[in-house]
Amino acid sequence: MNWIFLIIAGLFEVVWATAMKYSHGFTNLMPSIVTIVGMLISFFLLAHATKTLPLSIAYPVWTGIGAVGTVIAGTILFGDKISPITWGFVILLLVSIVGIKMTS
């Protein structure tokens, strides 16, 4: 169950990072609120997951989900241009996250 919490925490990392972009430096109220609430939920779920999962496993998986998800969100929502080599490294990051999960 804590793996589910960890995955959801990583997804909320994508939520707060995306909302932070929409907040325009915390000058737009609703995206600013979503950013803060998303951070709280993400940190809470990460803390809950680390009750039983080792920190050395949970933290890299959490940040990896956030990193991969934010790259995808940036390209879809903001039109960020990502080079093919960068996509290759994003895929390596995703493979690494799956590898960490499978070997722990």
PDB file of N, CA and C in Angstrom:
ATOM      1  N   MET A   1       0.828  -1.205   0.000  1.00  0.00           N
ATOM      2  CA  MET A   1       0.000   0.000   0.000  1.00  0.00           C
ATOM      3  C   MET A   1       0.865   1.259   0.000  1.00  0.00           C
ATOM      4  N   ASN A   2       2.031   1.186   0.671  1.00  0.00           N
ATOM      5  CA  ASN A   2       2.881   2.369   0.716  1.00  0.00           C
ATOM      6  C   ASN A   2       3.476   2.700  -0.645  1.00  0.00           C
ATOM      7  N   TRP A   3       3.605   1.714  -1.525  1.00  0.00           N
ATOM      8  CA  TRP A   3       4.034   2.021  -2.883  1.00  0.00           C
ATOM      9  C   TRP A   3       2.976   2.851  -3.605  1.00  0.00           C
ATOM     10  N   ILE A   4       1.721   2.557  -3.348  1.00  0.00           N
ATOM     11  CA  ILE A   4       0.628   3.354  -3.939  1.00  0.00           C
ATOM     12  C   ILE A   4       0.710   4.785  -3.427  1.00  0.00           C
ATOM     13  N   PHE A   5       0.909   4.947  -2.121  1.00  0.00           N
ATOM     14  CA  PHE A   5       1.058   6.294  -1.549  1.00  0.00           C
ATOM     15  C   PHE A   5       2.233   7.025  -2.193  1.00  0.00           C
ATOM     16  N   LEU A   6       3.323   6.309  -2.419  1.00  0.00           N
ATOM     17  CA  LEU A   6       4.507   6.914  -3.006  1.00  0.00           C
ATOM     18  C   LEU A   6       4.245   7.362  -4.443  1.00  0.00           C
ATOM     19  N   ILE A   7       3.571   6.546  -5.208  1.00  0.00           N
ATOM     20  CA  ILE A   7       3.238   6.906  -6.594  1.00  0.00           C
ATOM     21  C   ILE A   7       2.315   8.116  -6.626  1.00  0.00           C
ATOM     22  N   ILE A   8       1.308   8.132  -5.775  1.00  0.00           N
ATOM     23  CA  ILE A   8       0.397   9.275  -5.711  1.00  0.00           C
ATOM     24  C   ILE A   8       1.152  10.525  -5.267  1.00  0.00           C
ATOM     25  N   ALA A   9       2.071  10.368  -4.313  1.00  0.00           N
ATOM     26  CA  ALA A   9       2.885  11.508  -3.872  1.00  0.00           C
ATOM     27  C   ALA A   9       3.683  12.068  -5.040  1.00  0.00           C
ATOM     28  N   GLY A  10       4.253  11.206  -5.870  1.00  0.00           N
ATOM     29  CA  GLY A  10       4.992  11.654  -7.048  1.00  0.00           C
ATOM     30  C   GLY A  10       4.102  12.371  -8.045  1.00  0.00           C
ATOM     31  N   LEU A  11       2.884  11.883  -8.208  1.00  0.00           N
ATOM     32  CA  LEU A  11       1.941  12.550  -9.113  1.00  0.00           C
ATOM     33  C   LEU A  11       1.558  13.933  -8.588  1.00  0.00           C
ATOM     34  N   PHE A  12       1.410  14.050  -7.265  1.00  0.00           N
ATOM     35  CA  PHE A  12       1.115  15.361  -6.693  1.00  0.00           C
ATOM     36  C   PHE A  12       2.311  16.303  -6.809  1.00  0.00           C
ATOM     37  N   GLU A  13       3.503  15.755  -6.919  1.00  0.00           N
ATOM     38  CA  GLU A  13       4.661  16.604  -7.184  1.00  0.00           C
ATOM     39  C   GLU A  13       4.515  17.248  -8.569  1.00  0.00           C
ATOM     40  N   VAL A  14       4.017  16.489  -9.525  1.00  0.00           N
ATOM     41  CA  VAL A  14       3.757  17.033 -10.860  1.00  0.00           C
ATOM     42  C   VAL A  14       2.674  18.105 -10.776  1.00  0.00           C
ATOM     43  N   VAL A  15       1.638  17.850  -9.993  1.00  0.00           N
ATOM     44  CA  VAL A  15       0.542  18.818  -9.832  1.00  0.00           C
ATOM     45  C   VAL A  15       1.067  20.140  -9.295  1.00  0.00           C
ATOM     46  N   TRP A  16       1.842  20.081  -8.192  1.00  0.00           N
ATOM     47  CA  TRP A  16       2.267  21.348  -7.604  1.00  0.00           C
ATOM     48  C   TRP A  16       3.274  22.076  -8.480  1.00  0.00           C
ATOM     49  N   ALA A  17       4.139  21.336  -9.169  1.00  0.00           N
ATOM     50  CA  ALA A  17       5.113  21.995 -10.048  1.00  0.00           C
ATOM     51  C   ALA A  17       4.408  22.682 -11.216  1.00  0.00           C
ATOM     52  N   THR A  18       3.407  22.014 -11.769  1.00  0.00           N
ATOM     53  CA  THR A  18       2.640  22.589 -12.872  1.00  0.00           C
ATOM     54  C   THR A  18       1.842  23.799 -12.403  1.00  0.00           C
ATOM     55  N   ALA A  19       1.190  23.662 -11.258  1.00  0.00           N
ATOM     56  CA  ALA A  19       0.418  24.780 -10.718  1.00  0.00           C
ATOM     57  C   ALA A  19       1.319  25.965 -10.395  1.00  0.00           C
ATOM     58  N   MET A  20       2.540  25.693  -9.953  1.00  0.00           N
ATOM     59  CA  MET A  20       3.467  26.777  -9.651  1.00  0.00           C
ATOM     60  C   MET A  20       3.777  27.587 -10.909  1.00  0.00           C
ATOM     61  N   LYS A  21       3.911  26.927 -12.042  1.00  0.00           N
ATOM     62  CA  LYS A  21       4.129  27.630 -13.300  1.00  0.00           C
ATOM     63  C   LYS A  21       2.927  28.519 -13.611  1.00  0.00           C
ATOM     64  N   TYR A  22       1.722  27.980 -13.416  1.00  0.00           N
ATOM     65  CA  TYR A  22       0.508  28.752 -13.660  1.00  0.00           C
ATOM     66  C   TYR A  22       0.330  29.897 -12.658  1.00  0.00           C
ATOM     67  N   SER A  23       0.961  29.799 -11.498  1.00  0.00           N
ATOM     68  CA  SER A  23       0.802  30.849 -10.479  1.00  0.00           C
ATOM     69  C   SER A  23       1.541  32.134 -10.836  1.00  0.00           C
ATOM     70  N   HIS A  24       2.440  32.050 -11.816  1.00  0.00           N
ATOM     71  CA  HIS A  24       3.220  33.226 -12.241  1.00  0.00           C
ATOM     72  C   HIS A  24       3.892  33.890 -11.052  1.00  0.00           C
ATOM     73  N   GLY A  25       4.711  33.098 -10.346  1.00  0.00           N
ATOM     74  CA  GLY A  25       5.437  33.643  -9.195  1.00  0.00           C
ATOM     75  C   GLY A  25       4.537  33.929  -8.007  1.00  0.00           C
ATOM     76  N   PHE A  26       3.518  33.121  -7.838  1.00  0.00           N
ATOM     77  CA  PHE A  26       2.550  33.242  -6.750  1.00  0.00           C
ATOM     78  C   PHE A  26       1.762  34.556  -6.807  1.00  0.00           C
ATOM     79  N   THR A  27       1.528  35.048  -8.024  1.00  0.00           N
ATOM     80  CA  THR A  27       0.704  36.251  -8.180  1.00  0.00           C
ATOM     81  C   THR A  27      -0.738  35.915  -8.555  1.00  0.00           C
ATOM     82  N   ASN A  28      -1.016  34.673  -8.964  1.00  0.00           N
ATOM     83  CA  ASN A  28      -2.384  34.216  -9.236  1.00  0.00           C
ATOM     84  C   ASN A  28      -2.825  33.337  -8.076  1.00  0.00           C
ATOM     85  N   LEU A  29      -3.941  33.696  -7.453  1.00  0.00           N
ATOM     86  CA  LEU A  29      -4.360  33.061  -6.210  1.00  0.00           C
ATOM     87  C   LEU A  29      -4.640  31.567  -6.341  1.00  0.00           C
ATOM     88  N   MET A  30      -5.514  31.169  -7.250  1.00  0.00           N
ATOM     89  CA  MET A  30      -5.918  29.762  -7.305  1.00  0.00           C
ATOM     90  C   MET A  30      -4.755  28.816  -7.627  1.00  0.00           C
ATOM     91  N   PRO A  31      -3.942  29.119  -8.645  1.00  0.00           N
ATOM     92  CA  PRO A  31      -2.798  28.231  -8.865  1.00  0.00           C
ATOM     93  C   PRO A  31      -1.823  28.228  -7.685  1.00  0.00           C
ATOM     94  N   SER A  32      -1.726  29.333  -6.976  1.00  0.00           N
ATOM     95  CA  SER A  32      -0.862  29.385  -5.796  1.00  0.00           C
ATOM     96  C   SER A  32      -1.387  28.463  -4.709  1.00  0.00           C
ATOM     97  N   ILE A  33      -2.698  28.454  -4.524  1.00  0.00           N
ATOM     98  CA  ILE A  33      -3.317  27.575  -3.528  1.00  0.00           C
ATOM     99  C   ILE A  33      -3.130  26.113  -3.934  1.00  0.00           C
ATOM    100  N   VAL A  34      -3.341  25.822  -5.217  1.00  0.00           N
ATOM    101  CA  VAL A  34      -3.147  24.447  -5.707  1.00  0.00           C
ATOM    102  C   VAL A  34      -1.694  24.019  -5.496  1.00  0.00           C
ATOM    103  N   THR A  35      -0.755  24.922  -5.721  1.00  0.00           N
ATOM    104  CA  THR A  35       0.661  24.613  -5.497  1.00  0.00           C
ATOM    105  C   THR A  35       0.909  24.214  -4.049  1.00  0.00           C
ATOM    106  N   ILE A  36       0.438  25.021  -3.130  1.00  0.00           N
ATOM    107  CA  ILE A  36       0.683  24.765  -1.704  1.00  0.00           C
ATOM    108  C   ILE A  36      -0.022  23.493  -1.239  1.00  0.00           C
ATOM    109  N   VAL A  37      -1.272  23.320  -1.638  1.00  0.00           N
ATOM    110  CA  VAL A  37      -2.008  22.107  -1.256  1.00  0.00           C
ATOM    111  C   VAL A  37      -1.358  20.878  -1.888  1.00  0.00           C
ATOM    112  N   GLY A  38      -0.954  20.986  -3.148  1.00  0.00           N
ATOM    113  CA  GLY A  38      -0.279  19.872  -3.810  1.00  0.00           C
ATOM    114  C   GLY A  38       1.011  19.498  -3.106  1.00  0.00           C
ATOM    115  N   MET A  39       1.776  20.506  -2.667  1.00  0.00           N
ATOM    116  CA  MET A  39       3.011  20.244  -1.915  1.00  0.00           C
ATOM    117  C   MET A  39       2.711  19.515  -0.614  1.00  0.00           C
ATOM    118  N   LEU A  40       1.716  19.997   0.101  1.00  0.00           N
ATOM    119  CA  LEU A  40       1.367  19.383   1.384  1.00  0.00           C
ATOM    120  C   LEU A  40       0.952  17.920   1.204  1.00  0.00           C
ATOM    121  N   ILE A  41       0.110  17.673   0.217  1.00  0.00           N
ATOM    122  CA  ILE A  41      -0.332  16.299  -0.033  1.00  0.00           C
ATOM    123  C   ILE A  41       0.853  15.427  -0.444  1.00  0.00           C
ATOM    124  N   SER A  42       1.688  15.944  -1.337  1.00  0.00           N
ATOM    125  CA  SER A  42       2.839  15.184  -1.806  1.00  0.00           C
ATOM    126  C   SER A  42       3.782  14.839  -0.657  1.00  0.00           C
ATOM    127  N   PHE A  43       4.115  15.829   0.171  1.00  0.00           N
ATOM    128  CA  PHE A  43       5.015  15.589   1.301  1.00  0.00           C
ATOM    129  C   PHE A  43       4.393  14.656   2.333  1.00  0.00           C
ATOM    130  N   PHE A  44       3.093  14.823   2.575  1.00  0.00           N
ATOM    131  CA  PHE A  44       2.405  13.964   3.539  1.00  0.00           C
ATOM    132  C   PHE A  44       2.453  12.501   3.086  1.00  0.00           C
ATOM    133  N   LEU A  45       2.141  12.282   1.816  1.00  0.00           N
ATOM    134  CA  LEU A  45       2.137  10.908   1.303  1.00  0.00           C
ATOM    135  C   LEU A  45       3.549  10.325   1.251  1.00  0.00           C
ATOM    136  N   LEU A  46       4.538  11.152   0.924  1.00  0.00           N
ATOM    137  CA  LEU A  46       5.919  10.680   0.957  1.00  0.00           C
ATOM    138  C   LEU A  46       6.302  10.291   2.381  1.00  0.00           C
ATOM    139  N   ALA A  47       5.961  11.124   3.342  1.00  0.00           N
ATOM    140  CA  ALA A  47       6.268  10.823   4.738  1.00  0.00           C
ATOM    141  C   ALA A  47       5.582   9.536   5.178  1.00  0.00           C
ATOM    142  N   HIS A  48       4.335   9.357   4.742  1.00  0.00           N
ATOM    143  CA  HIS A  48       3.607   8.140   5.092  1.00  0.00           C
ATOM    144  C   HIS A  48       4.283   6.910   4.473  1.00  0.00           C
ATOM    145  N   ALA A  49       4.699   7.029   3.214  1.00  0.00           N
ATOM    146  CA  ALA A  49       5.341   5.908   2.531  1.00  0.00           C
ATOM    147  C   ALA A  49       6.663   5.522   3.196  1.00  0.00           C
ATOM    148  N   THR A  50       7.386   6.529   3.707  1.00  0.00           N
ATOM    149  CA  THR A  50       8.689   6.228   4.307  1.00  0.00           C
ATOM    150  C   THR A  50       8.578   5.635   5.706  1.00  0.00           C
ATOM    151  N   LYS A  51       7.367   5.453   6.189  1.00  0.00           N
ATOM    152  CA  LYS A  51       7.209   4.719   7.450  1.00  0.00           C
ATOM    153  C   LYS A  51       7.696   3.280   7.291  1.00  0.00           C
ATOM    154  N   THR A  52       7.467   2.711   6.114  1.00  0.00           N
ATOM    155  CA  THR A  52       7.878   1.321   5.899  1.00  0.00           C
ATOM    156  C   THR A  52       8.877   1.156   4.758  1.00  0.00           C
ATOM    157  N   LEU A  53       8.868   2.061   3.792  1.00  0.00           N
ATOM    158  CA  LEU A  53       9.823   1.968   2.692  1.00  0.00           C
ATOM    159  C   LEU A  53      11.117   2.674   3.084  1.00  0.00           C
ATOM    160  N   PRO A  54      12.248   2.131   2.670  1.00  0.00           N
ATOM    161  CA  PRO A  54      13.506   2.810   2.968  1.00  0.00           C
ATOM    162  C   PRO A  54      13.568   4.171   2.266  1.00  0.00           C
ATOM    163  N   LEU A  55      14.103   5.155   2.940  1.00  0.00           N
ATOM    164  CA  LEU A  55      14.241   6.489   2.358  1.00  0.00           C
ATOM    165  C   LEU A  55      15.088   6.445   1.089  1.00  0.00           C
ATOM    166  N   SER A  56      16.100   5.586   1.095  1.00  0.00           N
ATOM    167  CA  SER A  56      16.998   5.479  -0.057  1.00  0.00           C
ATOM    168  C   SER A  56      16.289   4.955  -1.300  1.00  0.00           C
ATOM    169  N   ILE A  57      15.132   4.371  -1.136  1.00  0.00           N
ATOM    170  CA  ILE A  57      14.307   3.902  -2.253  1.00  0.00           C
ATOM    171  C   ILE A  57      13.186   4.896  -2.528  1.00  0.00           C
ATOM    172  N   ALA A  58      12.486   5.324  -1.481  1.00  0.00           N
ATOM    173  CA  ALA A  58      11.302   6.166  -1.639  1.00  0.00           C
ATOM    174  C   ALA A  58      11.631   7.523  -2.253  1.00  0.00           C
ATOM    175  N   TYR A  59      12.680   8.164  -1.766  1.00  0.00           N
ATOM    176  CA  TYR A  59      12.971   9.514  -2.244  1.00  0.00           C
ATOM    177  C   TYR A  59      13.339   9.550  -3.728  1.00  0.00           C
ATOM    178  N   PRO A  60      14.242   8.684  -4.206  1.00  0.00           N
ATOM    179  CA  PRO A  60      14.534   8.730  -5.642  1.00  0.00           C
ATOM    180  C   PRO A  60      13.327   8.389  -6.520  1.00  0.00           C
ATOM    181  N   VAL A  61      12.489   7.469  -6.068  1.00  0.00           N
ATOM    182  CA  VAL A  61      11.293   7.139  -6.847  1.00  0.00           C
ATOM    183  C   VAL A  61      10.358   8.334  -6.891  1.00  0.00           C
ATOM    184  N   TRP A  62      10.165   8.982  -5.743  1.00  0.00           N
ATOM    185  CA  TRP A  62       9.293  10.169  -5.657  1.00  0.00           C
ATOM    186  C   TRP A  62       9.786  11.281  -6.573  1.00  0.00           C
ATOM    187  N   THR A  63      11.071  11.599  -6.490  1.00  0.00           N
ATOM    188  CA  THR A  63      11.600  12.674  -7.334  1.00  0.00           C
ATOM    189  C   THR A  63      11.606  12.268  -8.807  1.00  0.00           C
ATOM    190  N   GLY A  64      11.839  10.989  -9.078  1.00  0.00           N
ATOM    191  CA  GLY A  64      11.832  10.524 -10.457  1.00  0.00           C
ATOM    192  C   GLY A  64      10.460  10.630 -11.099  1.00  0.00           C
ATOM    193  N   ILE A  65       9.437  10.229 -10.356  1.00  0.00           N
ATOM    194  CA  ILE A  65       8.063  10.371 -10.867  1.00  0.00           C
ATOM    195  C   ILE A  65       7.767  11.836 -11.127  1.00  0.00           C
ATOM    196  N   GLY A  66       8.156  12.675 -10.184  1.00  0.00           N
ATOM    197  CA  GLY A  66       7.940  14.112 -10.358  1.00  0.00           C
ATOM    198  C   GLY A  66       8.693  14.662 -11.559  1.00  0.00           C
ATOM    199  N   ALA A  67       9.928  14.235 -11.740  1.00  0.00           N
ATOM    200  CA  ALA A  67      10.740  14.734 -12.851  1.00  0.00           C
ATOM    201  C   ALA A  67      10.174  14.304 -14.201  1.00  0.00           C
ATOM    202  N   VAL A  68       9.893  13.020 -14.343  1.00  0.00           N
ATOM    203  CA  VAL A  68       9.349  12.522 -15.609  1.00  0.00           C
ATOM    204  C   VAL A  68       7.985  13.147 -15.885  1.00  0.00           C
ATOM    205  N   GLY A  69       7.137  13.177 -14.876  1.00  0.00           N
ATOM    206  CA  GLY A  69       5.801  13.755 -15.051  1.00  0.00           C
ATOM    207  C   GLY A  69       5.839  15.232 -15.391  1.00  0.00           C
ATOM    208  N   THR A  70       6.781  15.953 -14.801  1.00  0.00           N
ATOM    209  CA  THR A  70       6.880  17.387 -15.065  1.00  0.00           C
ATOM    210  C   THR A  70       7.407  17.656 -16.464  1.00  0.00           C
ATOM    211  N   VAL A  71       8.321  16.815 -16.947  1.00  0.00           N
ATOM    212  CA  VAL A  71       8.782  16.954 -18.334  1.00  0.00           C
ATOM    213  C   VAL A  71       7.602  16.756 -19.289  1.00  0.00           C
ATOM    214  N   ILE A  72       6.808  15.736 -19.032  1.00  0.00           N
ATOM    215  CA  ILE A  72       5.646  15.467 -19.886  1.00  0.00           C
ATOM    216  C   ILE A  72       4.643  16.605 -19.800  1.00  0.00           C
ATOM    217  N   ALA A  73       4.355  17.073 -18.589  1.00  0.00           N
ATOM    218  CA  ALA A  73       3.415  18.188 -18.417  1.00  0.00           C
ATOM    219  C   ALA A  73       3.930  19.444 -19.110  1.00  0.00           C
ATOM    220  N   GLY A  74       5.223  19.705 -18.983  1.00  0.00           N
ATOM    221  CA  GLY A  74       5.786  20.892 -19.622  1.00  0.00           C
ATOM    222  C   GLY A  74       5.662  20.871 -21.130  1.00  0.00           C
ATOM    223  N   THR A  75       5.855  19.704 -21.722  1.00  0.00           N
ATOM    224  CA  THR A  75       5.752  19.616 -23.181  1.00  0.00           C
ATOM    225  C   THR A  75       4.302  19.712 -23.650  1.00  0.00           C
ATOM    226  N   ILE A  76       3.395  19.111 -22.887  1.00  0.00           N
ATOM    227  CA  ILE A  76       1.985  19.118 -23.295  1.00  0.00           C
ATOM    228  C   ILE A  76       1.320  20.456 -22.998  1.00  0.00           C
ATOM    229  N   LEU A  77       1.504  20.964 -21.783  1.00  0.00           N
ATOM    230  CA  LEU A  77       0.764  22.153 -21.355  1.00  0.00           C
ATOM    231  C   LEU A  77       1.427  23.469 -21.733  1.00  0.00           C
ATOM    232  N   PHE A  78       2.754  23.482 -21.800  1.00  0.00           N
ATOM    233  CA  PHE A  78       3.462  24.742 -22.019  1.00  0.00           C
ATOM    234  C   PHE A  78       4.249  24.774 -23.319  1.00  0.00           C
ATOM    235  N   GLY A  79       4.196  23.678 -24.076  1.00  0.00           N
ATOM    236  CA  GLY A  79       4.884  23.644 -25.354  1.00  0.00           C
ATOM    237  C   GLY A  79       6.397  23.644 -25.234  1.00  0.00           C
ATOM    238  N   ASP A  80       6.917  23.168 -24.083  1.00  0.00           N
ATOM    239  CA  ASP A  80       8.368  23.081 -23.914  1.00  0.00           C
ATOM    240  C   ASP A  80       8.951  22.209 -25.019  1.00  0.00           C
ATOM    241  N   LYS A  81      10.044  22.656 -25.590  1.00  0.00           N
ATOM    242  CA  LYS A  81      10.712  21.893 -26.648  1.00  0.00           C
ATOM    243  C   LYS A  81      11.817  21.057 -26.013  1.00  0.00           C
ATOM    244  N   ILE A  82      11.713  19.748 -26.172  1.00  0.00           N
ATOM    245  CA  ILE A  82      12.664  18.804 -25.596  1.00  0.00           C
ATOM    246  C   ILE A  82      13.366  18.091 -26.753  1.00  0.00           C
ATOM    247  N   SER A  83      14.678  18.082 -26.707  1.00  0.00           N
ATOM    248  CA  SER A  83      15.445  17.438 -27.784  1.00  0.00           C
ATOM    249  C   SER A  83      15.316  15.915 -27.684  1.00  0.00           C
ATOM    250  N   PRO A  84      15.556  15.237 -28.788  1.00  0.00           N
ATOM    251  CA  PRO A  84      15.491  13.772 -28.761  1.00  0.00           C
ATOM    252  C   PRO A  84      16.443  13.153 -27.740  1.00  0.00           C
ATOM    253  N   ILE A  85      17.640  13.711 -27.599  1.00  0.00           N
ATOM    254  CA  ILE A  85      18.579  13.158 -26.624  1.00  0.00           C
ATOM    255  C   ILE A  85      18.045  13.328 -25.203  1.00  0.00           C
ATOM    256  N   THR A  86      17.375  14.457 -24.953  1.00  0.00           N
ATOM    257  CA  THR A  86      16.774  14.673 -23.634  1.00  0.00           C
ATOM    258  C   THR A  86      15.676  13.646 -23.384  1.00  0.00           C
ATOM    259  N   TRP A  87      14.860  13.363 -24.401  1.00  0.00           N
ATOM    260  CA  TRP A  87      13.832  12.323 -24.253  1.00  0.00           C
ATOM    261  C   TRP A  87      14.473  10.981 -23.941  1.00  0.00           C
ATOM    262  N   GLY A  88      15.622  10.724 -24.532  1.00  0.00           N
ATOM    263  CA  GLY A  88      16.337   9.490 -24.226  1.00  0.00           C
ATOM    264  C   GLY A  88      16.711   9.406 -22.756  1.00  0.00           C
ATOM    265  N   PHE A  89      17.168  10.522 -22.201  1.00  0.00           N
ATOM    266  CA  PHE A  89      17.512  10.535 -20.781  1.00  0.00           C
ATOM    267  C   PHE A  89      16.272  10.444 -19.893  1.00  0.00           C
ATOM    268  N   VAL A  90      15.168  11.020 -20.332  1.00  0.00           N
ATOM    269  CA  VAL A  90      13.914  10.883 -19.585  1.00  0.00           C
ATOM    270  C   VAL A  90      13.495   9.418 -19.560  1.00  0.00           C
ATOM    271  N   ILE A  91      13.643   8.734 -20.682  1.00  0.00           N
ATOM    272  CA  ILE A  91      13.326   7.305 -20.733  1.00  0.00           C
ATOM    273  C   ILE A  91      14.254   6.525 -19.803  1.00  0.00           C
ATOM    274  N   LEU A  92      15.531   6.876 -19.779  1.00  0.00           N
ATOM    275  CA  LEU A  92      16.460   6.227 -18.851  1.00  0.00           C
ATOM    276  C   LEU A  92      16.046   6.454 -17.400  1.00  0.00           C
ATOM    277  N   LEU A  93      15.576   7.651 -17.113  1.00  0.00           N
ATOM    278  CA  LEU A  93      15.098   7.943 -15.763  1.00  0.00           C
ATOM    279  C   LEU A  93      13.897   7.072 -15.417  1.00  0.00           C
ATOM    280  N   LEU A  94      12.974   6.935 -16.349  1.00  0.00           N
ATOM    281  CA  LEU A  94      11.799   6.089 -16.132  1.00  0.00           C
ATOM    282  C   LEU A  94      12.208   4.631 -15.931  1.00  0.00           C
ATOM    283  N   VAL A  95      13.130   4.158 -16.734  1.00  0.00           N
ATOM    284  CA  VAL A  95      13.633   2.788 -16.577  1.00  0.00           C
ATOM    285  C   VAL A  95      14.288   2.630 -15.208  1.00  0.00           C
ATOM    286  N   SER A  96      15.017   3.647 -14.777  1.00  0.00           N
ATOM    287  CA  SER A  96      15.657   3.602 -13.458  1.00  0.00           C
ATOM    288  C   SER A  96      14.632   3.521 -12.328  1.00  0.00           C
ATOM    289  N   ILE A  97      13.557   4.275 -12.446  1.00  0.00           N
ATOM    290  CA  ILE A  97      12.510   4.242 -11.419  1.00  0.00           C
ATOM    291  C   ILE A  97      11.902   2.844 -11.332  1.00  0.00           C
ATOM    292  N   VAL A  98      11.592   2.271 -12.490  1.00  0.00           N
ATOM    293  CA  VAL A  98      11.024   0.916 -12.522  1.00  0.00           C
ATOM    294  C   VAL A  98      12.048  -0.081 -11.954  1.00  0.00           C
ATOM    295  N   GLY A  99      13.313   0.100 -12.316  1.00  0.00           N
ATOM    296  CA  GLY A  99      14.358  -0.780 -11.804  1.00  0.00           C
ATOM    297  C   GLY A  99      14.495  -0.721 -10.299  1.00  0.00           C
ATOM    298  N   ILE A 100      14.425   0.493  -9.742  1.00  0.00           N
ATOM    299  CA  ILE A 100      14.487   0.643  -8.288  1.00  0.00           C
ATOM    300  C   ILE A 100      13.331  -0.103  -7.634  1.00  0.00           C
ATOM    301  N   LYS A 101      12.147   0.038  -8.188  1.00  0.00           N
ATOM    302  CA  LYS A 101      10.969  -0.636  -7.641  1.00  0.00           C
ATOM    303  C   LYS A 101      11.123  -2.152  -7.733  1.00  0.00           C
ATOM    304  N   MET A 102      11.576  -2.628  -8.850  1.00  0.00           N
ATOM    305  CA  MET A 102      11.643  -4.077  -9.057  1.00  0.00           C
ATOM    306  C   MET A 102      12.743  -4.740  -8.222  1.00  0.00           C
ATOM    307  N   THR A 103      13.764  -4.011  -7.862  1.00  0.00           N
ATOM    308  CA  THR A 103      14.866  -4.609  -7.121  1.00  0.00           C
ATOM    309  C   THR A 103      14.817  -4.327  -5.635  1.00  0.00           C
ATOM    310  N   SER A 104      13.786  -3.653  -5.189  1.00  0.00           N
ATOM    311  CA  SER A 104      13.718  -3.351  -3.742  1.00  0.00           C
ATOM    312  C   SER A 104      12.732  -4.268  -3.050  1.00  0.00           C
TER     313      SER A 104
END
